[in-house]
Amino acid sequence: LVNTDINGDDDNTYQELDTIPDPVSPIKPPTYTYNPHSDEEVEATISSIENSVKGFDHVPVRGFKKLTDIYQNTQEVETNTLLLTEEEPRNYKEASTDKKWIKAIEIELDSINKNNT
């Protein structure tokens, strides 16, 4: 069944299914053949290029810094210090023996009970 819009304009036609397809049958999407030399594709490409050229204002991008400036302004981190960081428990058994994690678990459970979630 093919319908037109209210004004009867044939350029705005669409297809409407008469029945609901069987949910078990495979669904085939509509096919579209791309032809880069078609008038529609050429016009769309030209329009896209024209719009992108109009939007370019040749103003340099703000907010970028030279990598050397970034390195000069950063604080050096000693790798030995990273080895001394506290490791999080890998599982519940490890967390259940750590007083900080027991407290965190209790707070989380209290919050869950308070919110009835």
N, C-alpha and C. Protein backbone atom coordinates (compact mmCIF):
# COMPACT_ATOMS: atom_id res chain seq x y z
N LEU A 1 0.86 -1.17 0.00
CA LEU A 1 0.00 0.00 0.00
C LEU A 1 0.90 1.23 0.00
N VAL A 2 0.69 2.14 -0.94
CA VAL A 2 1.48 3.37 -1.03
C VAL A 2 0.59 4.54 -0.72
N ASN A 3 1.02 5.41 0.18
CA ASN A 3 0.25 6.58 0.57
C ASN A 3 0.98 7.84 0.15
N THR A 4 0.24 8.91 -0.07
CA THR A 4 0.85 10.22 -0.32
C THR A 4 0.48 11.12 0.83
N ASP A 5 1.16 12.29 0.89
CA ASP A 5 0.84 13.18 2.00
C ASP A 5 -0.50 13.86 1.75
N ILE A 6 -0.94 14.69 2.67
CA ILE A 6 -2.27 15.30 2.62
C ILE A 6 -2.46 16.13 1.34
N ASN A 7 -1.39 16.80 0.90
CA ASN A 7 -1.49 17.66 -0.28
C ASN A 7 -1.47 16.86 -1.57
N GLY A 8 -1.26 15.58 -1.52
CA GLY A 8 -1.20 14.76 -2.72
C GLY A 8 0.12 14.87 -3.44
N ASP A 9 1.15 15.33 -2.76
CA ASP A 9 2.47 15.48 -3.37
C ASP A 9 3.11 14.12 -3.51
N ASP A 10 3.36 13.69 -4.74
CA ASP A 10 3.91 12.35 -4.97
C ASP A 10 5.36 12.23 -4.55
N ASP A 11 6.06 13.37 -4.30
CA ASP A 11 7.45 13.30 -3.87
C ASP A 11 7.57 12.82 -2.44
N ASN A 12 6.52 12.89 -1.66
CA ASN A 12 6.55 12.51 -0.26
C ASN A 12 5.77 11.22 -0.03
N THR A 13 6.04 10.20 -0.83
CA THR A 13 5.33 8.94 -0.67
C THR A 13 6.09 8.04 0.28
N TYR A 14 5.36 7.15 0.91
CA TYR A 14 5.98 6.16 1.78
C TYR A 14 5.17 4.89 1.68
N GLN A 15 5.81 3.79 2.05
CA GLN A 15 5.13 2.51 2.01
C GLN A 15 4.70 2.11 3.40
N GLU A 16 3.54 1.52 3.47
CA GLU A 16 3.00 1.09 4.74
C GLU A 16 2.67 -0.40 4.63
N LEU A 17 3.03 -1.18 5.62
CA LEU A 17 2.75 -2.61 5.59
C LEU A 17 1.28 -2.86 5.91
N ASP A 18 0.66 -3.77 5.15
CA ASP A 18 -0.73 -4.11 5.40
C ASP A 18 -0.88 -5.00 6.63
N THR A 19 0.08 -5.88 6.83
CA THR A 19 -0.01 -6.83 7.94
C THR A 19 1.27 -6.80 8.75
N ILE A 20 1.18 -7.33 9.94
CA ILE A 20 2.35 -7.45 10.80
C ILE A 20 3.10 -8.69 10.35
N PRO A 21 4.43 -8.56 10.11
CA PRO A 21 5.19 -9.72 9.64
C PRO A 21 5.30 -10.79 10.72
N ASP A 22 5.44 -12.01 10.27
CA ASP A 22 5.61 -13.15 11.16
C ASP A 22 6.92 -12.98 11.93
N PRO A 23 6.91 -13.06 13.28
CA PRO A 23 8.14 -12.83 14.04
C PRO A 23 9.20 -13.89 13.79
N VAL A 24 8.84 -15.02 13.24
CA VAL A 24 9.81 -16.09 13.00
C VAL A 24 10.50 -15.90 11.65
N SER A 25 9.83 -15.26 10.71
CA SER A 25 10.40 -15.10 9.38
C SER A 25 11.54 -14.09 9.41
N PRO A 26 12.55 -14.28 8.55
CA PRO A 26 13.68 -13.35 8.54
C PRO A 26 13.25 -11.98 8.02
N ILE A 27 13.87 -10.96 8.55
CA ILE A 27 13.57 -9.59 8.14
C ILE A 27 14.63 -9.16 7.14
N LYS A 28 14.20 -8.67 6.00
CA LYS A 28 15.13 -8.20 4.98
C LYS A 28 15.07 -6.67 4.95
N PRO A 29 16.19 -6.00 5.24
CA PRO A 29 16.19 -4.54 5.18
C PRO A 29 16.11 -4.08 3.72
N PRO A 30 15.60 -2.87 3.50
CA PRO A 30 15.53 -2.38 2.13
C PRO A 30 16.94 -2.23 1.57
N THR A 31 17.07 -2.45 0.28
CA THR A 31 18.39 -2.34 -0.35
C THR A 31 18.58 -0.94 -0.88
N TYR A 32 19.82 -0.48 -0.83
CA TYR A 32 20.18 0.83 -1.35
C TYR A 32 21.44 0.65 -2.17
N THR A 33 21.40 1.08 -3.39
CA THR A 33 22.56 0.98 -4.26
C THR A 33 23.22 2.35 -4.31
N TYR A 34 24.47 2.39 -3.88
CA TYR A 34 25.22 3.64 -3.86
C TYR A 34 25.87 3.85 -5.21
N ASN A 35 25.61 4.98 -5.82
CA ASN A 35 26.24 5.34 -7.08
C ASN A 35 26.87 6.72 -6.87
N PRO A 36 28.20 6.78 -6.71
CA PRO A 36 28.84 8.06 -6.41
C PRO A 36 28.72 9.07 -7.54
N HIS A 37 28.36 8.62 -8.73
CA HIS A 37 28.27 9.53 -9.87
C HIS A 37 26.84 9.98 -10.14
N SER A 38 25.88 9.56 -9.31
CA SER A 38 24.49 9.98 -9.53
C SER A 38 24.38 11.47 -9.21
N ASP A 39 23.41 12.12 -9.82
CA ASP A 39 23.22 13.56 -9.62
C ASP A 39 22.97 13.89 -8.15
N GLU A 40 22.19 13.06 -7.46
CA GLU A 40 21.88 13.31 -6.05
C GLU A 40 23.14 13.24 -5.19
N GLU A 41 23.98 12.23 -5.43
CA GLU A 41 25.20 12.07 -4.63
C GLU A 41 26.18 13.20 -4.92
N VAL A 42 26.31 13.60 -6.17
CA VAL A 42 27.22 14.69 -6.54
C VAL A 42 26.76 15.99 -5.89
N GLU A 43 25.46 16.28 -5.95
CA GLU A 43 24.93 17.50 -5.33
C GLU A 43 25.13 17.48 -3.82
N ALA A 44 24.91 16.35 -3.19
CA ALA A 44 25.09 16.25 -1.73
C ALA A 44 26.55 16.46 -1.37
N THR A 45 27.47 15.92 -2.16
CA THR A 45 28.90 16.07 -1.89
C THR A 45 29.31 17.52 -2.06
N ILE A 46 28.87 18.16 -3.13
CA ILE A 46 29.21 19.56 -3.37
C ILE A 46 28.67 20.44 -2.25
N SER A 47 27.43 20.20 -1.84
CA SER A 47 26.82 20.97 -0.76
C SER A 47 27.60 20.79 0.54
N SER A 48 28.01 19.56 0.81
CA SER A 48 28.77 19.28 2.03
C SER A 48 30.11 20.01 2.02
N ILE A 49 30.78 20.00 0.88
CA ILE A 49 32.08 20.67 0.77
C ILE A 49 31.91 22.18 0.92
N GLU A 50 30.90 22.75 0.27
CA GLU A 50 30.66 24.18 0.37
C GLU A 50 30.37 24.59 1.81
N ASN A 51 29.57 23.81 2.52
CA ASN A 51 29.24 24.14 3.90
C ASN A 51 30.46 24.04 4.81
N SER A 52 31.33 23.06 4.57
CA SER A 52 32.50 22.90 5.42
C SER A 52 33.50 24.02 5.17
N VAL A 53 33.62 24.50 3.94
CA VAL A 53 34.54 25.60 3.63
C VAL A 53 34.03 26.89 4.26
N LYS A 54 32.73 27.12 4.23
CA LYS A 54 32.15 28.32 4.82
C LYS A 54 32.36 28.34 6.33
N GLY A 55 32.36 27.18 6.98
CA GLY A 55 32.48 27.11 8.42
C GLY A 55 33.91 27.23 8.92
N PHE A 56 34.90 27.25 8.04
CA PHE A 56 36.31 27.32 8.45
C PHE A 56 36.74 28.77 8.48
N ASP A 57 37.21 29.25 9.63
CA ASP A 57 37.51 30.68 9.76
C ASP A 57 39.00 30.99 9.85
N HIS A 58 39.87 30.02 9.72
CA HIS A 58 41.33 30.20 9.72
C HIS A 58 41.86 30.76 11.04
N VAL A 59 41.09 30.72 12.10
CA VAL A 59 41.57 31.15 13.41
C VAL A 59 42.24 29.95 14.06
N PRO A 60 43.46 30.14 14.61
CA PRO A 60 44.13 28.99 15.23
C PRO A 60 43.33 28.44 16.41
N VAL A 61 43.45 27.16 16.62
CA VAL A 61 42.75 26.49 17.71
C VAL A 61 43.37 26.94 19.03
N ARG A 62 42.51 27.27 19.99
CA ARG A 62 43.00 27.68 21.31
C ARG A 62 42.98 26.48 22.24
N GLY A 63 43.85 26.51 23.24
CA GLY A 63 43.82 25.48 24.24
C GLY A 63 44.89 24.41 24.07
N PHE A 64 45.68 24.49 23.04
CA PHE A 64 46.75 23.52 22.86
C PHE A 64 48.06 24.09 23.37
N LYS A 65 48.89 23.24 23.93
CA LYS A 65 50.20 23.65 24.42
C LYS A 65 51.25 22.75 23.80
N LYS A 66 52.45 23.27 23.74
CA LYS A 66 53.56 22.45 23.25
C LYS A 66 53.86 21.38 24.29
N LEU A 67 54.24 20.21 23.82
CA LEU A 67 54.54 19.11 24.71
C LEU A 67 55.70 19.45 25.64
N THR A 68 56.68 20.18 25.14
CA THR A 68 57.83 20.56 25.99
C THR A 68 57.38 21.45 27.14
N ASP A 69 56.40 22.35 26.89
CA ASP A 69 55.88 23.20 27.97
C ASP A 69 55.17 22.37 29.03
N ILE A 70 54.44 21.37 28.60
CA ILE A 70 53.73 20.51 29.55
C ILE A 70 54.73 19.77 30.43
N TYR A 71 55.77 19.21 29.82
CA TYR A 71 56.77 18.48 30.60
C TYR A 71 57.49 19.40 31.58
N GLN A 72 57.74 20.65 31.19
CA GLN A 72 58.44 21.58 32.08
C GLN A 72 57.59 21.94 33.29
N ASN A 73 56.27 21.94 33.13
CA ASN A 73 55.38 22.35 34.21
C ASN A 73 54.85 21.20 35.06
N THR A 74 55.25 19.98 34.77
CA THR A 74 54.76 18.84 35.54
C THR A 74 55.78 18.44 36.59
N GLN A 75 55.27 17.84 37.63
CA GLN A 75 56.13 17.38 38.71
C GLN A 75 56.54 15.94 38.43
N GLU A 76 57.80 15.68 38.58
CA GLU A 76 58.30 14.33 38.31
C GLU A 76 57.86 13.38 39.42
N VAL A 77 57.41 12.21 39.02
CA VAL A 77 56.96 11.20 39.97
C VAL A 77 58.04 10.13 40.05
N GLU A 78 58.42 9.82 41.28
CA GLU A 78 59.43 8.78 41.44
C GLU A 78 58.75 7.42 41.39
N THR A 79 59.28 6.54 40.58
CA THR A 79 58.66 5.23 40.40
C THR A 79 58.73 4.40 41.67
N ASN A 80 59.72 4.63 42.53
CA ASN A 80 59.79 3.88 43.78
C ASN A 80 58.60 4.19 44.68
N THR A 81 58.10 5.42 44.62
CA THR A 81 56.94 5.81 45.41
C THR A 81 55.71 5.05 44.97
N LEU A 82 55.59 4.80 43.67
CA LEU A 82 54.44 4.07 43.16
C LEU A 82 54.39 2.64 43.69
N LEU A 83 55.53 2.07 43.99
CA LEU A 83 55.57 0.71 44.51
C LEU A 83 55.03 0.64 45.94
N LEU A 84 55.01 1.76 46.64
CA LEU A 84 54.58 1.78 48.03
C LEU A 84 53.10 2.11 48.19
N THR A 85 52.39 2.32 47.10
CA THR A 85 50.96 2.63 47.21
C THR A 85 50.21 1.44 47.78
N GLU A 86 49.13 1.75 48.50
CA GLU A 86 48.35 0.70 49.13
C GLU A 86 47.50 -0.01 48.08
N GLU A 87 47.54 -1.30 48.11
CA GLU A 87 46.81 -2.10 47.14
C GLU A 87 45.42 -2.42 47.67
N GLU A 88 44.43 -2.35 46.78
CA GLU A 88 43.07 -2.69 47.18
C GLU A 88 42.92 -4.20 47.24
N PRO A 89 41.99 -4.67 48.07
CA PRO A 89 41.76 -6.11 48.14
C PRO A 89 41.24 -6.64 46.80
N ARG A 90 41.63 -7.85 46.47
CA ARG A 90 41.24 -8.45 45.19
C ARG A 90 39.90 -9.17 45.28
N ASN A 91 39.45 -9.49 46.50
CA ASN A 91 38.20 -10.22 46.64
C ASN A 91 37.60 -9.94 48.02
N TYR A 92 36.43 -10.50 48.27
CA TYR A 92 35.74 -10.26 49.53
C TYR A 92 36.53 -10.82 50.72
N LYS A 93 37.15 -11.95 50.53
CA LYS A 93 37.90 -12.58 51.63
C LYS A 93 38.99 -11.64 52.14
N GLU A 94 39.70 -10.99 51.20
CA GLU A 94 40.75 -10.05 51.61
C GLU A 94 40.13 -8.79 52.23
N ALA A 95 39.03 -8.29 51.66
CA ALA A 95 38.39 -7.08 52.18
C ALA A 95 37.81 -7.31 53.57
N SER A 96 37.33 -8.52 53.84
CA SER A 96 36.69 -8.80 55.12
C SER A 96 37.67 -8.82 56.29
N THR A 97 38.95 -8.82 56.01
CA THR A 97 39.94 -8.81 57.09
C THR A 97 40.56 -7.42 57.29
N ASP A 98 40.17 -6.45 56.47
CA ASP A 98 40.73 -5.09 56.54
C ASP A 98 39.70 -4.18 57.23
N LYS A 99 40.12 -3.51 58.33
CA LYS A 99 39.19 -2.68 59.11
C LYS A 99 38.58 -1.55 58.28
N LYS A 100 39.37 -0.93 57.39
CA LYS A 100 38.83 0.15 56.56
C LYS A 100 37.74 -0.37 55.63
N TRP A 101 37.95 -1.54 55.07
CA TRP A 101 36.98 -2.11 54.14
C TRP A 101 35.74 -2.61 54.87
N ILE A 102 35.93 -3.12 56.07
CA ILE A 102 34.77 -3.54 56.87
C ILE A 102 33.89 -2.33 57.15
N LYS A 103 34.50 -1.20 57.53
CA LYS A 103 33.75 0.02 57.80
C LYS A 103 33.03 0.49 56.53
N ALA A 104 33.72 0.45 55.39
CA ALA A 104 33.11 0.87 54.12
C ALA A 104 31.93 -0.02 53.75
N ILE A 105 32.07 -1.31 53.98
CA ILE A 105 30.98 -2.26 53.69
C ILE A 105 29.78 -1.97 54.59
N GLU A 106 30.05 -1.70 55.89
CA GLU A 106 28.96 -1.38 56.82
C GLU A 106 28.22 -0.12 56.40
N ILE A 107 28.96 0.90 55.99
CA ILE A 107 28.34 2.16 55.55
C ILE A 107 27.48 1.91 54.31
N GLU A 108 27.99 1.13 53.38
CA GLU A 108 27.25 0.82 52.15
C GLU A 108 25.97 0.05 52.46
N LEU A 109 26.07 -0.95 53.34
CA LEU A 109 24.88 -1.73 53.71
C LEU A 109 23.86 -0.87 54.46
N ASP A 110 24.33 0.02 55.33
CA ASP A 110 23.41 0.94 56.03
C ASP A 110 22.67 1.82 55.03
N SER A 111 23.39 2.30 54.03
CA SER A 111 22.78 3.14 53.00
C SER A 111 21.73 2.37 52.21
N ILE A 112 22.03 1.14 51.87
CA ILE A 112 21.08 0.29 51.14
C ILE A 112 19.83 0.05 51.98
N ASN A 113 20.02 -0.25 53.27
CA ASN A 113 18.87 -0.48 54.15
C ASN A 113 18.05 0.79 54.35
N LYS A 114 18.73 1.92 54.48
CA LYS A 114 18.04 3.19 54.69
C LYS A 114 17.18 3.56 53.49
N ASN A 115 17.68 3.30 52.29
CA ASN A 115 16.96 3.65 51.05
C ASN A 115 16.01 2.56 50.59
N ASN A 116 15.97 1.45 51.32
CA ASN A 116 15.14 0.30 50.94
C ASN A 116 15.41 -0.16 49.50
N THR A 117 16.67 -0.19 49.15
CA THR A 117 17.03 -0.65 47.79
C THR A 117 17.73 -1.97 47.82
